[in-house]
Amino acid sequence: MKILIVIAHPEPKSFNVAMYQQAIKTLEENGHEVKTSDLYRMNFSPVSDRGNFTTVKNTAYFNQQAEEHFASENNGFANDILAEQDKVLWCDLMIWQFPLWWFSVPALLKGWVDKVFAMGKFYENGRIYENGLLKGKKALLSITTGGPEKNYVTTKYGSTDQILHPVQTGILEFVGFSVLPVEIHFSIERIGHEERKEILQKWSKRIKNIFTEPVITTYK
């Protein structure tokens, strides 16, 4: 199978990077093809503007969706965006590895979505959710948190289902992905070396069998 892993963490020695590297190693050892987007090491720019495109639909007013649709029809995306779009279109499974920052994805990853998940390329009017242009692909979020699991309840931070709803439903399922259950590890800065090793071993075991897992549905 074909897997794209997108990682958004600024520290190469972080546990997120360890999870990312473990996933690559396990998948390749089991005969899968892997492509990666290490957004910080790529110096990927999250800023959307006319630089997203080599074509121009309207010189007088910048409407990103209109320009995306025009670029989709006229092969008008900048090379860095086109390369990322090609990876997403290529993969059977996309994994995002990131720390939960302010109850969401890091800004760099959100900027990647803003630029890469373009109208006309990944979604259209009426071509969303079960009719999405990326229907048939799967997605998995692999996340670390700073806070303890006990805080992720409706009476405090909100449940993880609530927090991740905008990402899983508002982004991934919106364009047609089927979503797998989240891989989440809490208070990652407060656990020891042995517990981290155990997490990596369990992650490797899960990755080996990832294509047999049932998907979830987070939208109704």
C-alpha atoms as a PDB file:
ATOM      1  CA  MET A   1       0.000   0.000   0.000  1.00  0.00           C
ATOM      2  CA  LYS A   2       0.960   3.653  -0.392  1.00  0.00           C
ATOM      3  CA  ILE A   3       1.293   5.809   2.717  1.00  0.00           C
ATOM      4  CA  LEU A   4       1.935   9.528   3.107  1.00  0.00           C
ATOM      5  CA  ILE A   5       3.132  10.682   6.533  1.00  0.00           C
ATOM      6  CA  VAL A   6       2.944  14.404   7.286  1.00  0.00           C
ATOM      7  CA  ILE A   7       4.765  15.572  10.409  1.00  0.00           C
ATOM      8  CA  ALA A   8       4.592  18.986  12.031  1.00  0.00           C
ATOM      9  CA  HIS A   9       7.033  19.340  14.924  1.00  0.00           C
ATOM     10  CA  PRO A  10       9.983  21.750  15.121  1.00  0.00           C
ATOM     11  CA  GLU A  11      12.295  19.546  17.250  1.00  0.00           C
ATOM     12  CA  PRO A  12      14.092  16.657  15.467  1.00  0.00           C
ATOM     13  CA  LYS A  13      14.652  14.875  18.818  1.00  0.00           C
ATOM     14  CA  SER A  14      10.995  15.083  19.873  1.00  0.00           C
ATOM     15  CA  PHE A  15       8.790  12.108  20.602  1.00  0.00           C
ATOM     16  CA  ASN A  16       6.646  13.109  17.632  1.00  0.00           C
ATOM     17  CA  VAL A  17       9.646  12.600  15.378  1.00  0.00           C
ATOM     18  CA  ALA A  18      10.330   9.260  17.071  1.00  0.00           C
ATOM     19  CA  MET A  19       6.744   8.194  16.305  1.00  0.00           C
ATOM     20  CA  TYR A  20       7.157   9.398  12.721  1.00  0.00           C
ATOM     21  CA  GLN A  21      10.420   7.506  12.239  1.00  0.00           C
ATOM     22  CA  GLN A  22       8.973   4.357  13.822  1.00  0.00           C
ATOM     23  CA  ALA A  23       6.023   4.458  11.431  1.00  0.00           C
ATOM     24  CA  ILE A  24       8.300   4.814   8.394  1.00  0.00           C
ATOM     25  CA  LYS A  25      10.543   1.946   9.543  1.00  0.00           C
ATOM     26  CA  THR A  26       7.644  -0.406  10.278  1.00  0.00           C
ATOM     27  CA  LEU A  27       5.762   0.325   7.081  1.00  0.00           C
ATOM     28  CA  GLU A  28       8.808  -0.060   4.848  1.00  0.00           C
ATOM     29  CA  GLU A  29       9.847  -3.276   6.606  1.00  0.00           C
ATOM     30  CA  ASN A  30       6.389  -4.628   5.829  1.00  0.00           C
ATOM     31  CA  GLY A  31       6.630  -3.879   2.129  1.00  0.00           C
ATOM     32  CA  HIS A  32       4.648  -0.647   1.915  1.00  0.00           C
ATOM     33  CA  GLU A  33       5.637   2.436  -0.083  1.00  0.00           C
ATOM     34  CA  VAL A  34       6.105   5.548   2.047  1.00  0.00           C
ATOM     35  CA  LYS A  35       6.343   9.206   1.131  1.00  0.00           C
ATOM     36  CA  THR A  36       6.800  11.965   3.700  1.00  0.00           C
ATOM     37  CA  SER A  37       6.275  15.663   4.249  1.00  0.00           C
ATOM     38  CA  ASP A  38       8.379  16.903   7.179  1.00  0.00           C
ATOM     39  CA  LEU A  39       6.987  20.416   7.146  1.00  0.00           C
ATOM     40  CA  TYR A  40       9.502  22.113   9.447  1.00  0.00           C
ATOM     41  CA  ARG A  41      12.537  20.528   7.812  1.00  0.00           C
ATOM     42  CA  MET A  42      11.069  21.420   4.386  1.00  0.00           C
ATOM     43  CA  ASN A  43      10.690  25.059   5.472  1.00  0.00           C
ATOM     44  CA  PHE A  44       7.178  24.833   4.078  1.00  0.00           C
ATOM     45  CA  SER A  45       5.534  28.258   3.996  1.00  0.00           C
ATOM     46  CA  PRO A  46       2.025  28.228   5.506  1.00  0.00           C
ATOM     47  CA  VAL A  47       1.104  31.611   4.005  1.00  0.00           C
ATOM     48  CA  SER A  48      -1.557  31.636   1.308  1.00  0.00           C
ATOM     49  CA  ASP A  49      -1.476  34.380  -1.307  1.00  0.00           C
ATOM     50  CA  ARG A  50      -1.045  34.730  -5.062  1.00  0.00           C
ATOM     51  CA  GLY A  51       2.225  32.845  -4.714  1.00  0.00           C
ATOM     52  CA  ASN A  52       0.115  29.677  -4.461  1.00  0.00           C
ATOM     53  CA  PHE A  53      -0.516  29.911  -8.182  1.00  0.00           C
ATOM     54  CA  THR A  54       1.167  30.335 -11.543  1.00  0.00           C
ATOM     55  CA  THR A  55      -2.181  31.311 -13.094  1.00  0.00           C
ATOM     56  CA  VAL A  56      -4.393  34.309 -12.386  1.00  0.00           C
ATOM     57  CA  LYS A  57      -8.170  34.387 -12.764  1.00  0.00           C
ATOM     58  CA  ASN A  58      -8.828  37.867 -11.411  1.00  0.00           C
ATOM     59  CA  THR A  59      -6.059  40.455 -11.233  1.00  0.00           C
ATOM     60  CA  ALA A  60      -8.229  42.994  -9.404  1.00  0.00           C
ATOM     61  CA  TYR A  61      -9.358  40.914  -6.430  1.00  0.00           C
ATOM     62  CA  PHE A  62      -7.866  37.839  -4.751  1.00  0.00           C
ATOM     63  CA  ASN A  63     -10.444  35.153  -3.996  1.00  0.00           C
ATOM     64  CA  GLN A  64      -8.521  32.052  -2.994  1.00  0.00           C
ATOM     65  CA  GLN A  65     -11.242  29.526  -3.793  1.00  0.00           C
ATOM     66  CA  ALA A  66     -11.851  31.053  -7.212  1.00  0.00           C
ATOM     67  CA  GLU A  67      -8.125  31.024  -7.947  1.00  0.00           C
ATOM     68  CA  GLU A  68      -7.859  27.416  -6.735  1.00  0.00           C
ATOM     69  CA  HIS A  69     -10.666  26.329  -9.019  1.00  0.00           C
ATOM     70  CA  PHE A  70      -9.091  28.151 -11.944  1.00  0.00           C
ATOM     71  CA  ALA A  71      -5.678  26.655 -11.169  1.00  0.00           C
ATOM     72  CA  SER A  72      -7.205  23.169 -10.951  1.00  0.00           C
ATOM     73  CA  GLU A  73      -8.571  23.568 -14.458  1.00  0.00           C
ATOM     74  CA  ASN A  74      -5.433  25.160 -15.891  1.00  0.00           C
ATOM     75  CA  ASN A  75      -2.540  23.368 -14.162  1.00  0.00           C
ATOM     76  CA  GLY A  76      -1.798  26.553 -12.272  1.00  0.00           C
ATOM     77  CA  PHE A  77      -0.502  25.555  -8.844  1.00  0.00           C
ATOM     78  CA  ALA A  78       2.984  26.538  -7.691  1.00  0.00           C
ATOM     79  CA  ASN A  79       5.437  23.642  -7.796  1.00  0.00           C
ATOM     80  CA  ASP A  80       5.722  23.219  -4.021  1.00  0.00           C
ATOM     81  CA  ILE A  81       1.941  22.958  -3.636  1.00  0.00           C
ATOM     82  CA  LEU A  82       1.567  20.682  -6.643  1.00  0.00           C
ATOM     83  CA  ALA A  83       4.181  18.314  -5.197  1.00  0.00           C
ATOM     84  CA  GLU A  84       2.204  18.037  -1.955  1.00  0.00           C
ATOM     85  CA  GLN A  85      -1.084  17.578  -3.781  1.00  0.00           C
ATOM     86  CA  ASP A  86       0.453  14.785  -5.831  1.00  0.00           C
ATOM     87  CA  LYS A  87       1.506  12.986  -2.634  1.00  0.00           C
ATOM     88  CA  VAL A  88      -2.015  13.162  -1.243  1.00  0.00           C
ATOM     89  CA  LEU A  89      -3.521  11.916  -4.497  1.00  0.00           C
ATOM     90  CA  TRP A  90      -0.940   9.107  -4.619  1.00  0.00           C
ATOM     91  CA  CYS A  91      -1.503   7.693  -1.145  1.00  0.00           C
ATOM     92  CA  ASP A  92      -3.972   5.086   0.084  1.00  0.00           C
ATOM     93  CA  LEU A  93      -3.457   6.200   3.688  1.00  0.00           C
ATOM     94  CA  MET A  94      -2.375   9.558   5.053  1.00  0.00           C
ATOM     95  CA  ILE A  95      -1.004   9.854   8.607  1.00  0.00           C
ATOM     96  CA  TRP A  96      -0.612  13.192  10.356  1.00  0.00           C
ATOM     97  CA  GLN A  97       1.862  13.235  13.246  1.00  0.00           C
ATOM     98  CA  PHE A  98       1.690  16.352  15.418  1.00  0.00           C
ATOM     99  CA  PRO A  99       1.452  17.799  18.940  1.00  0.00           C
ATOM    100  CA  LEU A 100      -1.921  19.192  19.952  1.00  0.00           C
ATOM    101  CA  TRP A 101      -1.355  22.941  20.269  1.00  0.00           C
ATOM    102  CA  TRP A 102      -4.171  25.161  21.523  1.00  0.00           C
ATOM    103  CA  PHE A 103      -6.665  22.340  20.943  1.00  0.00           C
ATOM    104  CA  SER A 104      -5.789  22.075  17.266  1.00  0.00           C
ATOM    105  CA  VAL A 105      -3.057  21.319  14.768  1.00  0.00           C
ATOM    106  CA  PRO A 106       0.116  23.458  14.674  1.00  0.00           C
ATOM    107  CA  ALA A 107      -0.241  26.533  12.461  1.00  0.00           C
ATOM    108  CA  LEU A 108       2.227  25.118   9.948  1.00  0.00           C
ATOM    109  CA  LEU A 109       0.057  22.042   9.387  1.00  0.00           C
ATOM    110  CA  LYS A 110      -3.090  24.170   9.095  1.00  0.00           C
ATOM    111  CA  GLY A 111      -1.304  26.345   6.541  1.00  0.00           C
ATOM    112  CA  TRP A 112      -0.357  23.209   4.599  1.00  0.00           C
ATOM    113  CA  VAL A 113      -4.048  22.255   4.494  1.00  0.00           C
ATOM    114  CA  ASP A 114      -5.072  25.769   3.440  1.00  0.00           C
ATOM    115  CA  LYS A 115      -2.712  25.634   0.467  1.00  0.00           C
ATOM    116  CA  VAL A 116      -2.840  21.972  -0.541  1.00  0.00           C
ATOM    117  CA  PHE A 117      -6.515  21.046  -0.078  1.00  0.00           C
ATOM    118  CA  ALA A 118      -7.653  23.220  -2.948  1.00  0.00           C
ATOM    119  CA  MET A 119     -11.144  23.679  -4.329  1.00  0.00           C
ATOM    120  CA  GLY A 120     -11.529  21.921  -7.656  1.00  0.00           C
ATOM    121  CA  LYS A 121      -8.648  19.617  -6.808  1.00  0.00           C
ATOM    122  CA  PHE A 122      -9.794  17.998  -3.550  1.00  0.00           C
ATOM    123  CA  TYR A 123     -13.405  19.147  -3.251  1.00  0.00           C
ATOM    124  CA  GLU A 124     -16.167  20.759  -5.288  1.00  0.00           C
ATOM    125  CA  ASN A 125     -19.674  22.079  -4.752  1.00  0.00           C
ATOM    126  CA  GLY A 126     -21.589  18.921  -3.899  1.00  0.00           C
ATOM    127  CA  ARG A 127     -18.425  16.793  -3.990  1.00  0.00           C
ATOM    128  CA  ILE A 128     -17.818  16.526  -0.253  1.00  0.00           C
ATOM    129  CA  TYR A 129     -18.060  13.865   2.459  1.00  0.00           C
ATOM    130  CA  GLU A 130     -19.413  10.604   0.964  1.00  0.00           C
ATOM    131  CA  ASN A 131     -19.144  12.228  -2.487  1.00  0.00           C
ATOM    132  CA  GLY A 132     -15.739  13.775  -1.804  1.00  0.00           C
ATOM    133  CA  LEU A 133     -13.074  13.757  -4.492  1.00  0.00           C
ATOM    134  CA  LEU A 134     -10.701  11.800  -2.215  1.00  0.00           C
ATOM    135  CA  LYS A 135     -13.236   9.084  -1.431  1.00  0.00           C
ATOM    136  CA  GLY A 136     -11.593   5.672  -0.921  1.00  0.00           C
ATOM    137  CA  LYS A 137      -8.570   7.016   0.950  1.00  0.00           C
ATOM    138  CA  LYS A 138      -7.995   6.664   4.681  1.00  0.00           C
ATOM    139  CA  ALA A 139      -6.553   9.099   7.210  1.00  0.00           C
ATOM    140  CA  LEU A 140      -5.124   8.706  10.703  1.00  0.00           C
ATOM    141  CA  LEU A 141      -4.205  11.354  13.265  1.00  0.00           C
ATOM    142  CA  SER A 142      -1.288  10.511  15.566  1.00  0.00           C
ATOM    143  CA  ILE A 143      -1.111  13.074  18.349  1.00  0.00           C
ATOM    144  CA  THR A 144       0.693  13.960  21.558  1.00  0.00           C
ATOM    145  CA  THR A 145      -0.605  16.294  24.258  1.00  0.00           C
ATOM    146  CA  GLY A 146       0.919  18.273  27.071  1.00  0.00           C
ATOM    147  CA  GLY A 147      -2.057  17.865  29.381  1.00  0.00           C
ATOM    148  CA  PRO A 148      -3.094  14.675  31.198  1.00  0.00           C
ATOM    149  CA  GLU A 149      -5.873  12.423  29.926  1.00  0.00           C
ATOM    150  CA  LYS A 150      -8.088  13.254  32.937  1.00  0.00           C
ATOM    151  CA  ASN A 151      -8.456  16.833  31.664  1.00  0.00           C
ATOM    152  CA  TYR A 152      -9.871  15.797  28.286  1.00  0.00           C
ATOM    153  CA  VAL A 153     -13.481  15.606  29.437  1.00  0.00           C
ATOM    154  CA  THR A 154     -16.494  17.742  28.587  1.00  0.00           C
ATOM    155  CA  THR A 155     -16.357  19.546  31.946  1.00  0.00           C
ATOM    156  CA  LYS A 156     -12.732  20.666  31.390  1.00  0.00           C
ATOM    157  CA  TYR A 157     -10.893  20.842  28.063  1.00  0.00           C
ATOM    158  CA  GLY A 158     -13.558  18.937  26.150  1.00  0.00           C
ATOM    159  CA  SER A 159     -13.358  15.338  25.012  1.00  0.00           C
ATOM    160  CA  THR A 160     -10.856  14.402  22.338  1.00  0.00           C
ATOM    161  CA  ASP A 161     -13.800  13.700  20.008  1.00  0.00           C
ATOM    162  CA  GLN A 162     -14.976  17.282  20.492  1.00  0.00           C
ATOM    163  CA  ILE A 163     -11.525  18.771  20.060  1.00  0.00           C
ATOM    164  CA  LEU A 164     -10.699  16.766  16.944  1.00  0.00           C
ATOM    165  CA  HIS A 165     -14.092  17.183  15.274  1.00  0.00           C
ATOM    166  CA  PRO A 166     -12.998  20.238  13.214  1.00  0.00           C
ATOM    167  CA  VAL A 167      -9.995  18.304  11.893  1.00  0.00           C
ATOM    168  CA  GLN A 168     -11.516  14.875  11.349  1.00  0.00           C
ATOM    169  CA  THR A 169     -14.909  16.041  10.106  1.00  0.00           C
ATOM    170  CA  GLY A 170     -14.242  19.570   8.901  1.00  0.00           C
ATOM    171  CA  ILE A 171     -11.096  18.729   6.921  1.00  0.00           C
ATOM    172  CA  LEU A 172     -10.460  15.029   6.346  1.00  0.00           C
ATOM    173  CA  GLU A 173     -13.970  13.653   5.933  1.00  0.00           C
ATOM    174  CA  PHE A 174     -15.024  16.833   4.134  1.00  0.00           C
ATOM    175  CA  VAL A 175     -12.774  15.980   1.179  1.00  0.00           C
ATOM    176  CA  GLY A 176     -13.693  12.277   1.243  1.00  0.00           C
ATOM    177  CA  PHE A 177     -11.203  10.583   3.558  1.00  0.00           C
ATOM    178  CA  SER A 178     -12.394   7.767   5.800  1.00  0.00           C
ATOM    179  CA  VAL A 179     -10.954   8.352   9.270  1.00  0.00           C
ATOM    180  CA  LEU A 180      -9.320   5.738  11.483  1.00  0.00           C
ATOM    181  CA  PRO A 181      -9.425   5.938  15.299  1.00  0.00           C
ATOM    182  CA  VAL A 182      -6.969   8.514  16.617  1.00  0.00           C
ATOM    183  CA  GLU A 183      -3.611   7.495  18.085  1.00  0.00           C
ATOM    184  CA  ILE A 184      -3.184   9.828  21.056  1.00  0.00           C
ATOM    185  CA  HIS A 185      -0.661   9.938  23.894  1.00  0.00           C
ATOM    186  CA  PHE A 186      -1.175  12.292  26.823  1.00  0.00           C
ATOM    187  CA  SER A 187       1.315  14.245  28.964  1.00  0.00           C
ATOM    188  CA  ILE A 188       4.132  13.114  26.721  1.00  0.00           C
ATOM    189  CA  GLU A 189       6.725  15.381  28.382  1.00  0.00           C
ATOM    190  CA  ARG A 190       6.019  13.772  31.754  1.00  0.00           C
ATOM    191  CA  ILE A 191       6.578  10.106  30.940  1.00  0.00           C
ATOM    192  CA  GLY A 192       9.819   8.177  31.211  1.00  0.00           C
ATOM    193  CA  HIS A 193      12.069   6.419  28.734  1.00  0.00           C
ATOM    194  CA  GLU A 194      10.643   2.941  29.296  1.00  0.00           C
ATOM    195  CA  GLU A 195       7.067   4.106  28.805  1.00  0.00           C
ATOM    196  CA  ARG A 196       8.084   5.855  25.601  1.00  0.00           C
ATOM    197  CA  LYS A 197       9.687   2.653  24.337  1.00  0.00           C
ATOM    198  CA  GLU A 198       6.487   0.781  25.088  1.00  0.00           C
ATOM    199  CA  ILE A 199       4.417   3.338  23.194  1.00  0.00           C
ATOM    200  CA  LEU A 200       6.686   3.027  20.163  1.00  0.00           C
ATOM    201  CA  GLN A 201       6.412  -0.771  20.260  1.00  0.00           C
ATOM    202  CA  LYS A 202       2.622  -0.625  20.428  1.00  0.00           C
ATOM    203  CA  TRP A 203       2.567   1.962  17.637  1.00  0.00           C
ATOM    204  CA  SER A 204       4.669  -0.322  15.460  1.00  0.00           C
ATOM    205  CA  LYS A 205       2.302  -3.214  16.142  1.00  0.00           C
ATOM    206  CA  ARG A 206      -0.706  -1.099  15.245  1.00  0.00           C
ATOM    207  CA  ILE A 207       0.918   0.168  12.049  1.00  0.00           C
ATOM    208  CA  LYS A 208       1.563  -3.406  10.892  1.00  0.00           C
ATOM    209  CA  ASN A 209      -2.176  -4.077  10.938  1.00  0.00           C
ATOM    210  CA  ILE A 210      -3.434  -0.621  10.057  1.00  0.00           C
ATOM    211  CA  PHE A 211      -5.125  -1.636   6.814  1.00  0.00           C
ATOM    212  CA  THR A 212      -7.367  -4.145   8.586  1.00  0.00           C
ATOM    213  CA  GLU A 213      -8.759  -1.579  11.039  1.00  0.00           C
ATOM    214  CA  PRO A 214     -12.365  -0.389  10.699  1.00  0.00           C
ATOM    215  CA  VAL A 215     -12.903   3.302  10.033  1.00  0.00           C
ATOM    216  CA  ILE A 216     -15.050   5.613  12.151  1.00  0.00           C
ATOM    217  CA  THR A 217     -17.685   8.124  11.073  1.00  0.00           C
ATOM    218  CA  THR A 218     -17.626  11.460  12.882  1.00  0.00           C
ATOM    219  CA  TYR A 219     -20.197  13.363  10.815  1.00  0.00           C
ATOM    220  CA  LYS A 220     -23.924  12.689  10.582  1.00  0.00           C
END
